[in-house]
Amino acid sequence: MAVLHITYNHNPQTSKEGYDGFYKVITSYQYRRLSKSHWTINTEESPQAVWQKLKEYVDPSDYFLMMPLDPTWFSAKDRTVLGWLAAGP
């Protein structure tokens, strides 16, 4: 199972897309909202497949970044962060 980190900042002044569609897609996964603009999701899908679902809700004037989290980036002795992310809401 992959953990993807997604940063999304909706620009309501110029965006033609609504935030609701983006939120609905993100919350269809096992997810954690880390802050107002930062999410992590657990998925068996590739980042490309997740993007195909999200792209219709992301306007060119919005800020969007998605990257996989590699478990080796975290301490091998302390798996607390990955355990918390994997637990989901």
C-alpha atoms as a PDB file:
ATOM      1  CA  MET A   1       0.000   0.000   0.000  1.00  0.00           C
ATOM      2  CA  ALA A   2       1.391   3.421  -0.953  1.00  0.00           C
ATOM      3  CA  VAL A   3       1.162   6.540   1.145  1.00  0.00           C
ATOM      4  CA  LEU A   4       0.862   9.699  -0.947  1.00  0.00           C
ATOM      5  CA  HIS A   5       1.348  13.197   0.398  1.00  0.00           C
ATOM      6  CA  ILE A   6      -0.853  15.788  -1.292  1.00  0.00           C
ATOM      7  CA  THR A   7      -0.557  19.541  -0.922  1.00  0.00           C
ATOM      8  CA  TYR A   8      -3.472  21.461  -2.370  1.00  0.00           C
ATOM      9  CA  ASN A   9      -4.241  25.149  -2.067  1.00  0.00           C
ATOM     10  CA  HIS A  10      -7.523  26.127  -3.686  1.00  0.00           C
ATOM     11  CA  ASN A  11      -7.531  29.666  -5.096  1.00  0.00           C
ATOM     12  CA  PRO A  12     -11.160  30.785  -4.702  1.00  0.00           C
ATOM     13  CA  GLN A  13     -10.566  34.153  -6.439  1.00  0.00           C
ATOM     14  CA  THR A  14      -9.534  32.639  -9.772  1.00  0.00           C
ATOM     15  CA  SER A  15     -10.383  28.949  -9.636  1.00  0.00           C
ATOM     16  CA  LYS A  16     -13.310  27.782 -11.730  1.00  0.00           C
ATOM     17  CA  GLU A  17     -13.433  24.512  -9.801  1.00  0.00           C
ATOM     18  CA  GLY A  18     -15.060  23.989  -6.442  1.00  0.00           C
ATOM     19  CA  TYR A  19     -13.304  22.505  -3.433  1.00  0.00           C
ATOM     20  CA  ASP A  20     -16.088  19.983  -2.759  1.00  0.00           C
ATOM     21  CA  GLY A  21     -15.135  17.607  -5.590  1.00  0.00           C
ATOM     22  CA  PHE A  22     -11.491  17.516  -4.491  1.00  0.00           C
ATOM     23  CA  TYR A  23     -12.548  16.852  -0.895  1.00  0.00           C
ATOM     24  CA  LYS A  24     -14.902  14.049  -1.946  1.00  0.00           C
ATOM     25  CA  VAL A  25     -12.139  12.251  -3.876  1.00  0.00           C
ATOM     26  CA  ILE A  26      -9.566  12.619  -1.077  1.00  0.00           C
ATOM     27  CA  THR A  27     -11.961  11.373   1.591  1.00  0.00           C
ATOM     28  CA  SER A  28     -12.858   8.325  -0.505  1.00  0.00           C
ATOM     29  CA  TYR A  29      -9.416   6.968   0.492  1.00  0.00           C
ATOM     30  CA  GLN A  30      -8.067   6.086   3.903  1.00  0.00           C
ATOM     31  CA  TYR A  31      -6.730   9.557   4.666  1.00  0.00           C
ATOM     32  CA  ARG A  32      -5.288  11.957   7.217  1.00  0.00           C
ATOM     33  CA  ARG A  33      -5.593  15.704   7.004  1.00  0.00           C
ATOM     34  CA  LEU A  34      -2.291  17.021   8.304  1.00  0.00           C
ATOM     35  CA  SER A  35      -3.164  20.716   8.015  1.00  0.00           C
ATOM     36  CA  LYS A  36      -5.444  22.990   6.012  1.00  0.00           C
ATOM     37  CA  SER A  37      -3.604  22.254   2.756  1.00  0.00           C
ATOM     38  CA  HIS A  38      -1.805  18.967   3.441  1.00  0.00           C
ATOM     39  CA  TRP A  39      -3.217  15.447   3.206  1.00  0.00           C
ATOM     40  CA  THR A  40      -1.893  11.901   3.196  1.00  0.00           C
ATOM     41  CA  ILE A  41      -3.772   9.012   1.652  1.00  0.00           C
ATOM     42  CA  ASN A  42      -3.230   5.247   1.662  1.00  0.00           C
ATOM     43  CA  THR A  43      -3.973   3.646  -1.661  1.00  0.00           C
ATOM     44  CA  GLU A  44      -3.168   0.675  -3.858  1.00  0.00           C
ATOM     45  CA  GLU A  45      -3.481   3.017  -6.863  1.00  0.00           C
ATOM     46  CA  SER A  46      -0.561   4.679  -8.593  1.00  0.00           C
ATOM     47  CA  PRO A  47      -0.056   8.430  -8.217  1.00  0.00           C
ATOM     48  CA  GLN A  48      -1.102   8.736 -11.874  1.00  0.00           C
ATOM     49  CA  ALA A  49      -4.429   7.008 -11.166  1.00  0.00           C
ATOM     50  CA  VAL A  50      -5.089   9.272  -8.183  1.00  0.00           C
ATOM     51  CA  TRP A  51      -4.260  12.322 -10.319  1.00  0.00           C
ATOM     52  CA  GLN A  52      -6.761  11.171 -12.973  1.00  0.00           C
ATOM     53  CA  LYS A  53      -9.475  11.347 -10.307  1.00  0.00           C
ATOM     54  CA  LEU A  54      -8.358  14.693  -8.872  1.00  0.00           C
ATOM     55  CA  LYS A  55      -7.390  16.681 -11.967  1.00  0.00           C
ATOM     56  CA  GLU A  56     -10.915  17.722 -12.901  1.00  0.00           C
ATOM     57  CA  TYR A  57     -11.133  19.549  -9.548  1.00  0.00           C
ATOM     58  CA  VAL A  58      -7.749  21.282  -9.725  1.00  0.00           C
ATOM     59  CA  ASP A  59      -7.700  24.564 -11.620  1.00  0.00           C
ATOM     60  CA  PRO A  60      -4.436  25.853 -13.177  1.00  0.00           C
ATOM     61  CA  SER A  61      -4.560  28.748 -10.685  1.00  0.00           C
ATOM     62  CA  ASP A  62      -4.622  26.321  -7.720  1.00  0.00           C
ATOM     63  CA  TYR A  63      -1.459  24.929  -6.126  1.00  0.00           C
ATOM     64  CA  PHE A  64      -1.164  21.133  -6.266  1.00  0.00           C
ATOM     65  CA  LEU A  65       1.699  18.794  -5.386  1.00  0.00           C
ATOM     66  CA  MET A  66       1.549  15.026  -4.888  1.00  0.00           C
ATOM     67  CA  MET A  67       4.458  12.793  -3.930  1.00  0.00           C
ATOM     68  CA  PRO A  68       4.825   9.288  -2.563  1.00  0.00           C
ATOM     69  CA  LEU A  69       6.183   8.901   0.956  1.00  0.00           C
ATOM     70  CA  ASP A  70       8.937   6.340   1.201  1.00  0.00           C
ATOM     71  CA  PRO A  71       8.920   4.436   4.515  1.00  0.00           C
ATOM     72  CA  THR A  72      12.728   4.433   4.537  1.00  0.00           C
ATOM     73  CA  TRP A  73      12.619   8.219   5.022  1.00  0.00           C
ATOM     74  CA  PHE A  74      11.380   7.641   8.552  1.00  0.00           C
ATOM     75  CA  SER A  75      13.359   6.236  11.429  1.00  0.00           C
ATOM     76  CA  ALA A  76      13.673   2.472  11.253  1.00  0.00           C
ATOM     77  CA  LYS A  77      13.431   2.370  15.045  1.00  0.00           C
ATOM     78  CA  ASP A  78      10.355   4.556  15.369  1.00  0.00           C
ATOM     79  CA  ARG A  79       7.481   3.641  13.060  1.00  0.00           C
ATOM     80  CA  THR A  80       4.997   5.827  14.969  1.00  0.00           C
ATOM     81  CA  VAL A  81       4.438   8.278  12.106  1.00  0.00           C
ATOM     82  CA  LEU A  82       3.790   5.575   9.513  1.00  0.00           C
ATOM     83  CA  GLY A  83       1.552   3.698  11.955  1.00  0.00           C
ATOM     84  CA  TRP A  84      -0.466   6.859  12.556  1.00  0.00           C
ATOM     85  CA  LEU A  85      -0.786   7.561   8.833  1.00  0.00           C
ATOM     86  CA  ALA A  86      -1.770   3.994   8.057  1.00  0.00           C
ATOM     87  CA  ALA A  87      -4.401   3.916  10.819  1.00  0.00           C
ATOM     88  CA  GLY A  88      -6.564   6.493   9.043  1.00  0.00           C
ATOM     89  CA  PRO A  89      -9.524   8.347  10.514  1.00  0.00           C
END
